[in-house]
Amino acid sequence: MITGKQLCDAVISGANSILKNRKYVDDLNIFPVPDGDTGTNMSMTIGAGSEAMADLGDDATAAVVAKTAASAMLRGARGNSGVILSLLFRGFSKGLEGTECADGAQLAQALAIGVDAAYKAVMKPTEGTILTVARVAAEKGAAAAEIDPDPVYVWDAICLGAAEALSTTPELLPVLKKAGVVDAGGQGLCMILDGMMRVFKYGEIVQTQMTAEEKAAETAEFFRSVAAEFDSEINFTYCTEFIVGRDPEIPTDPNDLRLFLETIGDCVVVVDDEEIIKVHVHTEQPGEALTRALQFGALLTVKIENMKEQHRKAAEQNEKNRAAFEAKAEPEKPALEPVEPTEEIGFVAVAAGEGLRALFADLGCAQVVSGGQTMNPSTEDIVAAVLATPAKRVFVLPNNKNILLAAEQAVPLVTDREITVIPTKTIPQGLSAMLAFDPDAEVSDNADAMITAAEGVSTGTVTFAARDSEFGGFKIKEGDTMGLTNGKLEFVGDTPVRTVYKVAKALLSKHTSFITLIYGEGVSEEDANEAMRLIRNKVGDDVEINLVNGGQPVYYFILSVE
């Protein structure tokens, strides 16, 4: 039987296993466009679960461990691969519910529950990916459990099944076969399962060569966006964070806990679901906060830090390194705080670049989550932004296909307001959706109109190759300029200005009436105007062209054609 302590160690071991091999998994990505790499996203996701294990006692049951890990991973999930991974572990939470120790049959069944949830979460499941690897692993585990329910025997079958499925991914996805690689997400899952096996079979946790500080920098921590940063003026000394395991027999309202915490501190964040309550507060009385929390259930994790001491040390270090880092320093971001839903409708968008963030704010977005292609925000980041939006119904625009799943997972985590995810996959789609909103229309009608508007936009992008690759019939060198039309690679090797002109020509039709040209960081105003001049000469005066300084990273140009 697998005890709670063994399962706890297994989560940590699985997280360490992929953390050690993160770059290897990242490098399996075959698409040359810079992105939020699979290994990094999966590592940060299970890293959140690993962090949640740190304060669990050795007597925690398998059910408690599974719930704690799943809840932390769901909130820390980043990118599609991270969300799928969190859903697999969500299966353990459901499958091991009420279980003190688990046998092999229960582990296999729990994994199967997670696989089913992951397939349902993906609109068009693709075989040859992490989904295939997880499904075959669960099937092999179930078959082994019928022969012998010993958990080591079953988990060994799960690992072998995953490895077998991983080896078939190039046959299922020709693009993998052509590149000579296996699926990155599937490889990451195999590493996690193998890391867990080390605990089940040998009682050993996979170790990393990183220091605690380096590991902390690589993994997602609780309230990463909501509470990790604080204002330079510190009103209260102790940053107190904890998780309460909800007791179904205690009919208390988490909002009561939030109201109490507001009387003893500030920067209060209370996020709850049916299983846990996660809390962050700055206070002078952390003991009082913990004592009141016990009225809502058992404390699962606790972290208390002296912010004044941290601030003093950080100030000293910053002064030492000021000359070296001053040019690269980013402005401090204000912490997000939950607000009451007093308005009817609100909006949250995801975008990177000051110009784009300002543009979405001008269109009515109460919160713009910093993120995009290479920096996928977590589910928790999106939840925090929703809670900081003073509206009963919040429309969320992820504006990137790799963020869509994370946004959808935020829906059940917010209980005091309703979330509608508009499935925008690009910045132009998000802008068009916002422009289609009619404040006088019904909510359902607005959702339909926003989706329809997003679907009617063609998106062009100009970026650079993140790696050497052979893709789409092109031989690509790292750093080459690339032009894409609606996600399809079309042009390689020219200047950004000439490339965006080619992209525009490819997207134009006789029905085109409006073009928005958004230029990013590193593109001069002169080059941006030259690009607009070339496009205008092509389309004439009948098509309206709008030039926007988006300031976005990664993309030299983003082009919207309507």
Protein backbone atom coordinates (compact mmCIF):
# COMPACT_ATOMS: atom_id res chain seq x y z
CA MET A 1 0.00 0.00 0.00
CA ILE A 2 1.12 3.57 -0.74
CA THR A 3 0.91 5.81 2.30
CA GLY A 4 0.25 9.52 2.29
CA LYS A 5 3.91 10.15 3.11
CA GLN A 6 5.01 8.05 0.13
CA LEU A 7 2.62 9.85 -2.19
CA CYS A 8 3.83 13.20 -0.86
CA ASP A 9 7.45 12.22 -1.51
CA ALA A 10 6.47 10.92 -4.96
CA VAL A 11 5.01 14.29 -5.98
CA ILE A 12 8.23 15.99 -4.88
CA SER A 13 10.33 13.38 -6.68
CA GLY A 14 8.28 13.73 -9.88
CA ALA A 15 8.68 17.51 -9.73
CA ASN A 16 12.44 17.20 -9.23
CA SER A 17 12.69 14.74 -12.10
CA ILE A 18 11.25 17.11 -14.70
CA LEU A 19 12.95 20.11 -13.13
CA LYS A 20 16.31 18.46 -13.76
CA ASN A 21 15.33 17.70 -17.35
CA ARG A 22 13.32 20.83 -18.11
CA LYS A 23 15.64 22.13 -20.82
CA TYR A 24 15.76 18.72 -22.53
CA VAL A 25 11.95 18.66 -22.72
CA ASP A 26 11.89 22.29 -23.88
CA ASP A 27 14.28 21.43 -26.69
CA LEU A 28 11.90 18.76 -28.01
CA ASN A 29 9.56 21.53 -29.15
CA ILE A 30 9.70 21.44 -32.93
CA PHE A 31 7.85 24.63 -33.80
CA PRO A 32 10.51 27.33 -34.22
CA VAL A 33 8.32 30.18 -32.90
CA PRO A 34 9.31 31.31 -29.39
CA ASP A 35 6.79 29.98 -26.91
CA GLY A 36 6.11 29.01 -23.32
CA ASP A 37 8.09 25.80 -23.58
CA THR A 38 6.54 22.51 -22.51
CA GLY A 39 9.19 21.47 -20.02
CA THR A 40 9.11 24.83 -18.27
CA ASN A 41 5.31 24.90 -18.08
CA MET A 42 5.06 21.34 -16.77
CA SER A 43 7.89 21.92 -14.29
CA MET A 44 6.28 25.05 -12.90
CA THR A 45 2.89 23.32 -12.67
CA ILE A 46 4.02 20.27 -10.69
CA GLY A 47 6.46 22.54 -8.88
CA ALA A 48 3.42 24.24 -7.34
CA GLY A 49 2.28 20.82 -6.14
CA SER A 50 5.73 20.06 -4.77
CA GLU A 51 5.76 23.33 -2.84
CA ALA A 52 2.39 22.40 -1.37
CA MET A 53 3.86 19.15 -0.03
CA ALA A 54 6.52 20.90 2.02
CA ASP A 55 4.42 21.53 5.13
CA LEU A 56 2.28 18.39 5.16
CA GLY A 57 2.88 16.17 8.15
CA ASP A 58 4.13 12.60 7.83
CA ASP A 59 0.73 11.37 9.02
CA ALA A 60 -1.22 12.99 6.17
CA THR A 61 -3.40 10.47 4.36
CA ALA A 62 -3.15 9.71 0.67
CA ALA A 63 -6.44 11.55 0.19
CA VAL A 64 -5.15 14.72 1.85
CA VAL A 65 -1.91 14.62 -0.11
CA ALA A 66 -3.72 14.09 -3.42
CA LYS A 67 -6.17 16.93 -2.74
CA THR A 68 -3.44 19.33 -1.68
CA ALA A 69 -1.24 18.55 -4.69
CA ALA A 70 -4.13 18.72 -7.15
CA SER A 71 -5.44 22.03 -5.82
CA ALA A 72 -1.99 23.65 -5.92
CA MET A 73 -1.28 22.32 -9.41
CA LEU A 74 -4.62 23.49 -10.75
CA ARG A 75 -3.92 27.01 -9.57
CA GLY A 76 -0.32 26.89 -10.73
CA ALA A 77 -1.08 25.34 -14.13
CA ARG A 78 0.65 27.06 -17.05
CA GLY A 79 0.20 26.37 -20.74
CA ASN A 80 -1.81 23.54 -22.23
CA SER A 81 0.65 20.88 -21.09
CA GLY A 82 0.55 22.22 -17.54
CA VAL A 83 -3.24 22.28 -17.43
CA ILE A 84 -3.42 18.71 -18.74
CA LEU A 85 -0.88 17.63 -16.13
CA SER A 86 -2.91 19.30 -13.38
CA LEU A 87 -6.05 17.51 -14.56
CA LEU A 88 -4.26 14.16 -14.40
CA PHE A 89 -3.42 14.84 -10.77
CA ARG A 90 -6.97 16.07 -10.20
CA GLY A 91 -7.91 12.48 -10.96
CA PHE A 92 -5.84 11.37 -7.98
CA SER A 93 -7.74 13.81 -5.80
CA LYS A 94 -11.05 12.30 -6.87
CA GLY A 95 -9.92 8.69 -7.12
CA LEU A 96 -8.25 8.62 -3.70
CA GLU A 97 -10.97 10.55 -1.89
CA GLY A 98 -11.35 9.21 1.65
CA THR A 99 -8.37 6.88 1.21
CA GLU A 100 -5.73 6.57 3.91
CA CYS A 101 -3.43 4.31 1.85
CA ALA A 102 -3.77 3.32 -1.81
CA ASP A 103 -3.21 0.02 -3.58
CA GLY A 104 -2.27 -0.36 -7.23
CA ALA A 105 -5.84 -0.69 -8.45
CA GLN A 106 -6.77 2.61 -6.80
CA LEU A 107 -3.74 4.36 -8.31
CA ALA A 108 -4.60 3.08 -11.80
CA GLN A 109 -8.25 4.07 -11.41
CA ALA A 110 -7.26 7.53 -10.17
CA LEU A 111 -5.02 8.05 -13.19
CA ALA A 112 -7.86 6.91 -15.47
CA ILE A 113 -10.17 9.52 -13.92
CA GLY A 114 -7.57 12.18 -14.64
CA VAL A 115 -7.14 11.01 -18.23
CA ASP A 116 -10.89 11.21 -18.81
CA ALA A 117 -10.97 14.77 -17.44
CA ALA A 118 -7.99 15.79 -19.58
CA TYR A 119 -9.57 14.47 -22.79
CA LYS A 120 -12.82 16.28 -22.01
CA ALA A 121 -10.97 19.55 -21.35
CA VAL A 122 -9.35 19.62 -24.79
CA MET A 123 -11.73 20.72 -27.54
CA LYS A 124 -10.06 18.59 -30.23
CA PRO A 125 -7.88 15.93 -28.56
CA THR A 126 -4.89 15.01 -30.70
CA GLU A 127 -3.34 11.57 -30.48
CA GLY A 128 0.44 11.44 -30.40
CA THR A 129 0.59 13.91 -27.52
CA ILE A 130 0.68 13.82 -23.72
CA LEU A 131 -2.95 12.67 -23.87
CA THR A 132 -1.98 9.47 -25.66
CA VAL A 133 0.88 8.79 -23.25
CA ALA A 134 -1.38 9.27 -20.22
CA ARG A 135 -4.21 7.17 -21.66
CA VAL A 136 -2.03 4.19 -22.54
CA ALA A 137 -0.29 4.43 -19.15
CA ALA A 138 -3.66 4.27 -17.38
CA GLU A 139 -4.80 1.35 -19.53
CA LYS A 140 -1.62 -0.62 -18.81
CA GLY A 141 -1.96 0.17 -15.12
CA ALA A 142 -5.56 -1.08 -15.03
CA ALA A 143 -4.58 -4.31 -16.80
CA ALA A 144 -1.71 -4.89 -14.37
CA ALA A 145 -3.98 -4.27 -11.36
CA GLU A 146 -6.22 -7.15 -12.45
CA ILE A 147 -3.20 -9.46 -12.26
CA ASP A 148 -1.64 -8.09 -9.08
CA PRO A 149 -2.83 -5.01 -7.13
CA ASP A 150 0.63 -4.43 -5.66
CA PRO A 151 1.22 -0.69 -6.20
CA VAL A 152 4.86 -1.10 -7.28
CA TYR A 153 3.85 -3.70 -9.87
CA VAL A 154 1.03 -1.49 -11.15
CA TRP A 155 3.08 1.72 -11.23
CA ASP A 156 5.85 -0.07 -13.06
CA ALA A 157 3.28 -1.06 -15.70
CA ILE A 158 2.12 2.56 -15.84
CA CYS A 159 5.68 3.78 -16.47
CA LEU A 160 6.32 1.11 -19.10
CA GLY A 161 3.02 1.89 -20.79
CA ALA A 162 3.85 5.58 -20.87
CA ALA A 163 7.27 4.90 -22.37
CA GLU A 164 5.75 2.60 -24.97
CA ALA A 165 3.16 5.20 -25.93
CA LEU A 166 5.82 7.91 -26.08
CA SER A 167 7.78 5.90 -28.62
CA THR A 168 4.72 5.76 -30.90
CA THR A 169 4.06 9.52 -30.91
CA PRO A 170 6.19 10.13 -34.05
CA GLU A 171 4.05 7.59 -35.91
CA LEU A 172 0.86 9.32 -34.83
CA LEU A 173 2.10 12.84 -35.61
CA PRO A 174 4.08 13.02 -38.86
CA VAL A 175 5.54 16.39 -37.91
CA LEU A 176 7.29 14.68 -34.97
CA LYS A 177 8.59 11.90 -37.20
CA LYS A 178 9.99 14.37 -39.71
CA ALA A 179 11.81 16.23 -36.93
CA GLY A 180 13.06 12.98 -35.39
CA VAL A 181 11.66 13.68 -31.92
CA VAL A 182 8.98 12.40 -29.55
CA ASP A 183 6.21 14.54 -28.10
CA ALA A 184 7.54 16.98 -25.52
CA GLY A 185 4.52 16.78 -23.20
CA GLY A 186 4.57 13.00 -23.30
CA GLN A 187 8.27 12.98 -22.51
CA GLY A 188 7.71 15.29 -19.57
CA LEU A 189 4.95 13.05 -18.21
CA CYS A 190 7.22 9.99 -18.48
CA MET A 191 9.88 11.77 -16.45
CA ILE A 192 7.35 12.68 -13.77
CA LEU A 193 5.98 9.13 -13.57
CA ASP A 194 9.51 7.72 -13.40
CA GLY A 195 10.41 10.16 -10.64
CA MET A 196 7.39 8.99 -8.63
CA MET A 197 8.40 5.36 -9.24
CA ARG A 198 11.73 6.01 -7.52
CA VAL A 199 9.83 6.63 -4.31
CA PHE A 200 7.36 3.77 -4.64
CA LYS A 201 10.01 1.19 -5.53
CA TYR A 202 13.17 2.32 -3.75
CA GLY A 203 11.99 4.89 -1.23
CA GLU A 204 14.25 7.51 -2.83
CA ILE A 205 13.36 11.04 -3.89
CA VAL A 206 15.00 12.22 -7.11
CA GLN A 207 17.43 14.94 -6.14
CA THR A 208 18.30 18.08 -8.06
CA GLN A 209 21.64 19.83 -8.10
CA MET A 210 19.95 23.17 -7.52
CA THR A 211 20.11 25.21 -4.35
CA ALA A 212 16.88 25.93 -2.54
CA GLU A 213 16.96 29.47 -3.91
CA GLU A 214 17.44 28.29 -7.49
CA LYS A 215 14.70 25.70 -7.17
CA ALA A 216 12.30 28.28 -5.73
CA ALA A 217 12.98 30.52 -8.72
CA GLU A 218 12.08 27.68 -11.10
CA THR A 219 8.82 26.60 -9.50
CA ALA A 220 5.47 28.29 -9.10
CA GLU A 221 4.67 29.38 -5.54
CA PHE A 222 1.32 30.10 -3.95
CA PHE A 223 -0.26 33.37 -5.01
CA ARG A 224 2.57 33.98 -7.43
CA SER A 225 0.94 36.95 -9.09
CA VAL A 226 -1.49 37.95 -6.37
CA ALA A 227 0.85 38.23 -3.44
CA ALA A 228 4.47 37.62 -4.39
CA GLU A 229 5.17 41.31 -4.80
CA PHE A 230 4.40 44.04 -2.31
CA ASP A 231 4.58 47.79 -2.20
CA SER A 232 7.74 49.45 -0.98
CA GLU A 233 5.73 50.95 1.89
CA ILE A 234 5.21 48.00 4.25
CA ASN A 235 2.32 48.62 6.65
CA PHE A 236 2.44 45.20 8.31
CA THR A 237 5.43 43.02 9.10
CA TYR A 238 4.41 39.43 8.43
CA CYS A 239 3.41 38.01 5.07
CA THR A 240 1.24 35.07 6.12
CA GLU A 241 0.11 32.41 3.66
CA PHE A 242 -1.69 29.19 4.45
CA ILE A 243 -4.05 26.56 3.08
CA VAL A 244 -7.05 25.29 5.02
CA GLY A 245 -8.48 21.89 4.16
CA ARG A 246 -12.22 22.50 4.17
CA ASP A 247 -14.24 20.38 6.56
CA PRO A 248 -17.62 19.58 4.94
CA GLU A 249 -19.16 19.34 8.41
CA ILE A 250 -18.24 22.95 9.21
CA PRO A 251 -20.88 25.25 7.59
CA THR A 252 -18.70 28.35 7.60
CA ASP A 253 -18.43 30.92 4.83
CA PRO A 254 -14.87 31.68 3.62
CA ASN A 255 -16.01 35.27 3.13
CA ASP A 256 -16.27 35.53 6.93
CA LEU A 257 -12.60 34.63 7.19
CA ARG A 258 -11.73 37.30 4.63
CA LEU A 259 -13.72 39.93 6.52
CA PHE A 260 -11.90 39.06 9.76
CA LEU A 261 -8.48 39.20 8.13
CA GLU A 262 -9.24 42.65 6.77
CA THR A 263 -9.59 43.85 10.38
CA ILE A 264 -6.05 42.73 11.31
CA GLY A 265 -4.10 43.40 8.11
CA ASP A 266 -4.09 44.26 4.42
CA CYS A 267 -3.39 42.64 1.03
CA VAL A 268 -5.97 40.02 1.93
CA VAL A 269 -6.54 37.29 -0.65
CA VAL A 270 -8.91 34.40 0.02
CA VAL A 271 -9.43 31.88 -2.78
CA ASP A 272 -11.56 28.80 -2.16
CA ASP A 273 -13.07 25.80 -3.85
CA GLU A 274 -14.94 22.82 -2.50
CA GLU A 275 -11.78 21.33 -1.00
CA ILE A 276 -9.48 24.08 0.23
CA ILE A 277 -9.24 27.73 1.21
CA LYS A 278 -6.00 29.50 0.23
CA VAL A 279 -5.20 32.63 2.19
CA HIS A 280 -2.70 35.46 1.98
CA VAL A 281 -2.58 38.40 4.40
CA HIS A 282 -0.09 41.02 5.61
CA THR A 283 -0.53 41.36 9.36
CA GLU A 284 1.14 41.99 12.72
CA GLN A 285 -0.75 39.04 14.26
CA PRO A 286 -0.16 35.89 12.16
CA GLY A 287 -1.18 33.78 15.16
CA GLU A 288 -4.64 35.35 15.22
CA ALA A 289 -5.04 34.68 11.49
CA LEU A 290 -4.15 31.00 11.95
CA THR A 291 -6.36 30.63 15.01
CA ARG A 292 -9.39 32.01 13.17
CA ALA A 293 -8.57 29.79 10.16
CA LEU A 294 -8.89 26.68 12.34
CA GLN A 295 -12.60 27.42 12.61
CA PHE A 296 -12.88 26.57 8.91
CA GLY A 297 -10.88 23.32 8.86
CA ALA A 298 -7.41 21.89 9.32
CA LEU A 299 -4.29 23.85 8.39
CA LEU A 300 -2.49 22.01 5.61
CA THR A 301 0.39 24.41 4.91
CA VAL A 302 1.66 27.55 6.62
CA LYS A 303 4.30 30.07 5.52
CA ILE A 304 5.14 33.23 7.49
CA GLU A 305 7.81 35.67 6.33
CA ASN A 306 9.11 38.91 7.82
CA MET A 307 8.67 41.35 4.95
CA LYS A 308 10.57 44.17 6.61
CA GLU A 309 13.63 41.97 6.99
CA GLN A 310 13.25 40.72 3.42
CA HIS A 311 12.86 44.28 2.20
CA ARG A 312 15.98 45.40 4.10
CA LYS A 313 18.09 42.59 2.62
CA ALA A 314 16.68 43.17 -0.84
CA ALA A 315 17.45 46.88 -0.58
CA GLU A 316 21.03 46.14 0.41
CA GLN A 317 21.46 43.71 -2.48
CA ASN A 318 19.82 46.08 -4.92
CA GLU A 319 22.19 48.84 -3.92
CA LYS A 320 25.18 46.57 -4.50
CA ASN A 321 23.97 45.57 -7.93
CA ARG A 322 22.25 48.79 -8.94
CA ALA A 323 24.74 49.73 -11.64
CA ALA A 324 24.60 46.30 -13.26
CA PHE A 325 20.86 45.85 -13.21
CA GLU A 326 19.44 49.34 -13.44
CA ALA A 327 19.03 49.23 -17.22
CA LYS A 328 17.20 45.90 -17.07
CA ALA A 329 14.99 46.62 -14.10
CA GLU A 330 11.25 46.34 -14.69
CA PRO A 331 8.77 48.57 -12.89
CA GLU A 332 7.34 47.00 -9.78
CA LYS A 333 3.88 45.53 -10.31
CA PRO A 334 1.16 46.32 -7.82
CA ALA A 335 -0.31 43.34 -6.01
CA LEU A 336 -3.84 42.44 -7.03
CA GLU A 337 -6.44 42.52 -4.29
CA PRO A 338 -9.93 41.01 -4.48
CA VAL A 339 -12.81 43.46 -4.68
CA GLU A 340 -16.54 43.11 -4.25
CA PRO A 341 -18.53 42.37 -7.44
CA THR A 342 -20.56 45.56 -7.47
CA GLU A 343 -20.90 46.01 -11.25
CA GLU A 344 -22.74 43.81 -13.73
CA ILE A 345 -20.05 43.22 -16.37
CA GLY A 346 -16.25 43.28 -16.32
CA PHE A 347 -13.37 42.16 -18.53
CA VAL A 348 -9.99 40.48 -18.03
CA ALA A 349 -7.53 40.13 -20.91
CA VAL A 350 -4.06 38.63 -21.26
CA ALA A 351 -1.43 40.67 -23.11
CA ALA A 352 2.27 41.52 -23.02
CA GLY A 353 3.64 44.98 -23.77
CA GLU A 354 2.68 48.31 -22.28
CA GLY A 355 0.99 49.51 -25.45
CA LEU A 356 -1.24 46.45 -25.71
CA ARG A 357 -2.08 46.52 -22.03
CA ALA A 358 -3.07 50.17 -22.33
CA LEU A 359 -5.12 49.40 -25.45
CA PHE A 360 -7.13 46.67 -23.71
CA ALA A 361 -7.57 48.92 -20.68
CA ASP A 362 -8.90 51.69 -22.94
CA LEU A 363 -11.39 49.21 -24.39
CA GLY A 364 -12.76 48.49 -20.92
CA CYS A 365 -10.66 45.71 -19.39
CA ALA A 366 -10.48 46.16 -15.62
CA GLN A 367 -7.45 43.87 -15.41
CA VAL A 368 -4.85 42.96 -18.04
CA VAL A 369 -2.78 39.93 -17.01
CA SER A 370 0.81 40.20 -18.14
CA GLY A 371 1.54 37.23 -20.37
CA GLY A 372 1.47 35.79 -23.83
CA GLN A 373 3.39 33.46 -26.10
CA THR A 374 6.55 32.93 -24.04
CA MET A 375 5.11 33.77 -20.62
CA ASN A 376 1.98 31.74 -20.02
CA PRO A 377 0.17 32.99 -16.90
CA SER A 378 -1.09 30.39 -14.47
CA THR A 379 -4.69 29.61 -13.68
CA GLU A 380 -4.12 31.29 -10.35
CA ASP A 381 -2.93 34.47 -12.08
CA ILE A 382 -6.20 34.57 -14.01
CA VAL A 383 -8.26 33.82 -10.90
CA ALA A 384 -6.53 36.71 -9.10
CA ALA A 385 -7.34 39.08 -11.97
CA VAL A 386 -10.98 37.97 -12.00
CA LEU A 387 -11.28 38.49 -8.24
CA ALA A 388 -9.77 41.96 -8.66
CA THR A 389 -12.48 42.86 -11.20
CA PRO A 390 -15.53 44.43 -9.54
CA ALA A 391 -18.14 42.62 -11.62
CA LYS A 392 -20.70 39.86 -11.17
CA ARG A 393 -20.01 38.49 -14.67
CA VAL A 394 -16.45 38.60 -15.94
CA PHE A 395 -15.48 37.96 -19.56
CA VAL A 396 -11.95 36.54 -19.85
CA LEU A 397 -10.00 36.87 -23.10
CA PRO A 398 -6.85 34.65 -23.05
CA ASN A 399 -5.66 35.88 -26.48
CA ASN A 400 -3.36 32.87 -26.94
CA LYS A 401 -4.14 29.22 -27.64
CA ASN A 402 -1.63 28.12 -24.99
CA ILE A 403 -3.48 30.11 -22.31
CA LEU A 404 -7.03 29.09 -23.23
CA LEU A 405 -7.08 25.91 -21.11
CA ALA A 406 -5.65 27.70 -18.08
CA ALA A 407 -8.39 30.32 -18.40
CA GLU A 408 -11.10 27.67 -18.63
CA GLN A 409 -9.80 25.97 -15.47
CA ALA A 410 -10.32 29.24 -13.58
CA VAL A 411 -14.10 29.04 -14.06
CA PRO A 412 -14.92 26.58 -11.23
CA LEU A 413 -12.42 28.16 -8.85
CA VAL A 414 -14.34 31.42 -8.51
CA THR A 415 -17.62 31.15 -6.60
CA ASP A 416 -18.73 34.72 -5.98
CA ARG A 417 -18.98 35.76 -9.64
CA GLU A 418 -19.50 34.12 -13.01
CA ILE A 419 -16.73 33.73 -15.58
CA THR A 420 -17.28 33.50 -19.33
CA VAL A 421 -14.18 32.62 -21.33
CA ILE A 422 -14.18 34.04 -24.85
CA PRO A 423 -11.85 31.63 -26.69
CA THR A 424 -9.62 34.25 -28.31
CA LYS A 425 -6.34 32.77 -29.54
CA THR A 426 -4.60 35.93 -30.75
CA ILE A 427 -4.33 39.57 -29.76
CA PRO A 428 -6.33 40.74 -32.84
CA GLN A 429 -9.12 38.34 -31.94
CA GLY A 430 -9.19 39.78 -28.43
CA LEU A 431 -9.33 43.36 -29.67
CA SER A 432 -12.10 42.54 -32.12
CA ALA A 433 -14.09 40.75 -29.42
CA MET A 434 -13.85 43.76 -27.11
CA LEU A 435 -15.01 46.09 -29.87
CA ALA A 436 -18.02 43.84 -30.51
CA PHE A 437 -19.31 44.16 -26.94
CA ASP A 438 -22.66 45.98 -26.68
CA PRO A 439 -23.48 47.25 -23.17
CA ASP A 440 -27.19 47.26 -23.99
CA ALA A 441 -27.30 43.63 -25.12
CA GLU A 442 -27.94 40.50 -23.03
CA VAL A 443 -24.93 38.66 -21.62
CA SER A 444 -25.48 35.56 -23.77
CA ASP A 445 -25.95 37.67 -26.89
CA ASN A 446 -22.74 39.54 -26.14
CA ALA A 447 -20.81 36.32 -25.70
CA ASP A 448 -22.02 35.08 -29.08
CA ALA A 449 -21.24 38.41 -30.74
CA MET A 450 -17.75 38.55 -29.27
CA ILE A 451 -16.97 35.00 -30.38
CA THR A 452 -18.30 35.70 -33.86
CA ALA A 453 -16.21 38.87 -34.11
CA ALA A 454 -13.07 37.03 -33.00
CA GLU A 455 -13.62 34.29 -35.55
CA GLY A 456 -13.89 36.88 -38.34
CA VAL A 457 -10.39 38.26 -37.82
CA SER A 458 -7.31 37.12 -39.73
CA THR A 459 -4.07 37.35 -37.74
CA GLY A 460 -0.58 37.82 -39.12
CA THR A 461 2.57 37.75 -37.01
CA VAL A 462 6.24 38.44 -37.60
CA THR A 463 8.69 36.96 -35.14
CA PHE A 464 12.10 35.28 -34.96
CA ALA A 465 13.15 31.64 -34.87
CA ALA A 466 13.91 30.43 -31.37
CA ARG A 467 15.83 27.40 -32.63
CA ASP A 468 17.26 25.74 -35.74
CA SER A 469 14.52 23.73 -37.37
CA GLU A 470 13.13 22.18 -40.52
CA PHE A 471 9.46 23.05 -40.53
CA GLY A 472 6.78 23.60 -43.14
CA GLY A 473 9.22 23.05 -45.98
CA PHE A 474 11.69 25.65 -44.65
CA LYS A 475 15.20 25.18 -43.33
CA ILE A 476 15.30 27.65 -40.48
CA LYS A 477 18.24 29.03 -38.51
CA GLU A 478 17.93 30.43 -35.02
CA GLY A 479 17.26 34.16 -35.27
CA ASP A 480 15.70 34.08 -38.75
CA THR A 481 12.73 36.38 -39.25
CA MET A 482 9.51 34.44 -39.81
CA GLY A 483 6.07 35.50 -41.04
CA LEU A 484 2.93 33.56 -40.11
CA THR A 485 -0.64 33.85 -41.35
CA ASN A 486 -3.24 32.56 -38.89
CA GLY A 487 -0.55 30.48 -37.23
CA LYS A 488 0.83 28.96 -40.43
CA LEU A 489 4.46 29.59 -41.29
CA GLU A 490 4.62 31.30 -44.70
CA PHE A 491 7.81 33.38 -45.00
CA VAL A 492 11.37 33.01 -43.68
CA GLY A 493 14.53 35.06 -44.00
CA ASP A 494 13.59 38.62 -44.94
CA THR A 495 13.64 41.77 -42.79
CA PRO A 496 10.74 42.30 -40.33
CA VAL A 497 9.41 45.20 -42.42
CA ARG A 498 9.45 43.29 -45.69
CA THR A 499 8.05 40.21 -43.97
CA VAL A 500 5.04 41.99 -42.49
CA TYR A 501 4.32 43.42 -45.94
CA LYS A 502 4.33 39.88 -47.38
CA VAL A 503 2.09 38.68 -44.56
CA ALA A 504 -0.36 41.51 -45.21
CA LYS A 505 -0.52 40.68 -48.92
CA ALA A 506 -1.22 37.03 -48.10
CA LEU A 507 -4.12 37.95 -45.80
CA LEU A 508 -5.76 40.57 -48.00
CA SER A 509 -8.98 39.86 -49.86
CA LYS A 510 -11.49 41.91 -51.77
CA HIS A 511 -13.56 42.10 -48.58
CA THR A 512 -10.78 43.63 -46.47
CA SER A 513 -11.86 46.96 -44.98
CA PHE A 514 -9.73 47.43 -41.88
CA ILE A 515 -6.11 46.66 -40.93
CA THR A 516 -4.43 47.17 -37.58
CA LEU A 517 -0.63 47.05 -37.55
CA ILE A 518 0.84 46.60 -34.07
CA TYR A 519 4.60 46.95 -33.70
CA GLY A 520 6.59 45.58 -30.81
CA GLU A 521 9.64 46.37 -28.72
CA GLY A 522 12.80 46.67 -30.75
CA VAL A 523 10.96 48.04 -33.79
CA SER A 524 11.66 51.71 -34.41
CA GLU A 525 8.90 54.16 -35.22
CA GLU A 526 10.63 54.72 -38.55
CA ASP A 527 10.44 51.04 -39.47
CA ALA A 528 6.84 50.83 -38.31
CA ASN A 529 5.88 53.77 -40.54
CA GLU A 530 7.74 52.20 -43.45
CA ALA A 531 5.80 48.98 -42.99
CA MET A 532 2.53 50.90 -42.94
CA ARG A 533 3.58 52.83 -46.08
CA LEU A 534 4.25 49.61 -47.98
CA ILE A 535 0.91 48.12 -46.95
CA ARG A 536 -0.98 51.32 -47.75
CA ASN A 537 0.56 51.43 -51.23
CA LYS A 538 -0.72 47.92 -51.75
CA VAL A 539 -4.29 48.35 -50.47
CA GLY A 540 -4.98 51.97 -51.49
CA ASP A 541 -7.21 54.41 -49.68
CA ASP A 542 -10.30 52.20 -49.50
CA VAL A 543 -8.85 50.20 -46.59
CA GLU A 544 -8.42 51.91 -43.23
CA ILE A 545 -5.05 51.24 -41.57
CA ASN A 546 -4.34 51.87 -37.91
CA LEU A 547 -0.78 51.84 -36.53
CA VAL A 548 -0.34 50.95 -32.85
CA ASN A 549 2.80 50.88 -30.70
CA GLY A 550 2.06 47.68 -28.77
CA GLY A 551 5.49 47.32 -27.18
CA GLN A 552 5.01 43.54 -27.16
CA PRO A 553 7.97 41.16 -26.82
CA VAL A 554 8.62 38.23 -29.20
CA TYR A 555 6.62 39.64 -32.12
CA TYR A 556 8.09 42.39 -34.29
CA PHE A 557 4.64 42.91 -35.77
CA ILE A 558 1.12 41.68 -35.12
CA LEU A 559 -1.31 42.27 -37.97
CA SER A 560 -5.09 42.27 -37.77
CA VAL A 561 -7.01 42.06 -41.05
CA GLU A 562 -10.80 42.41 -41.08
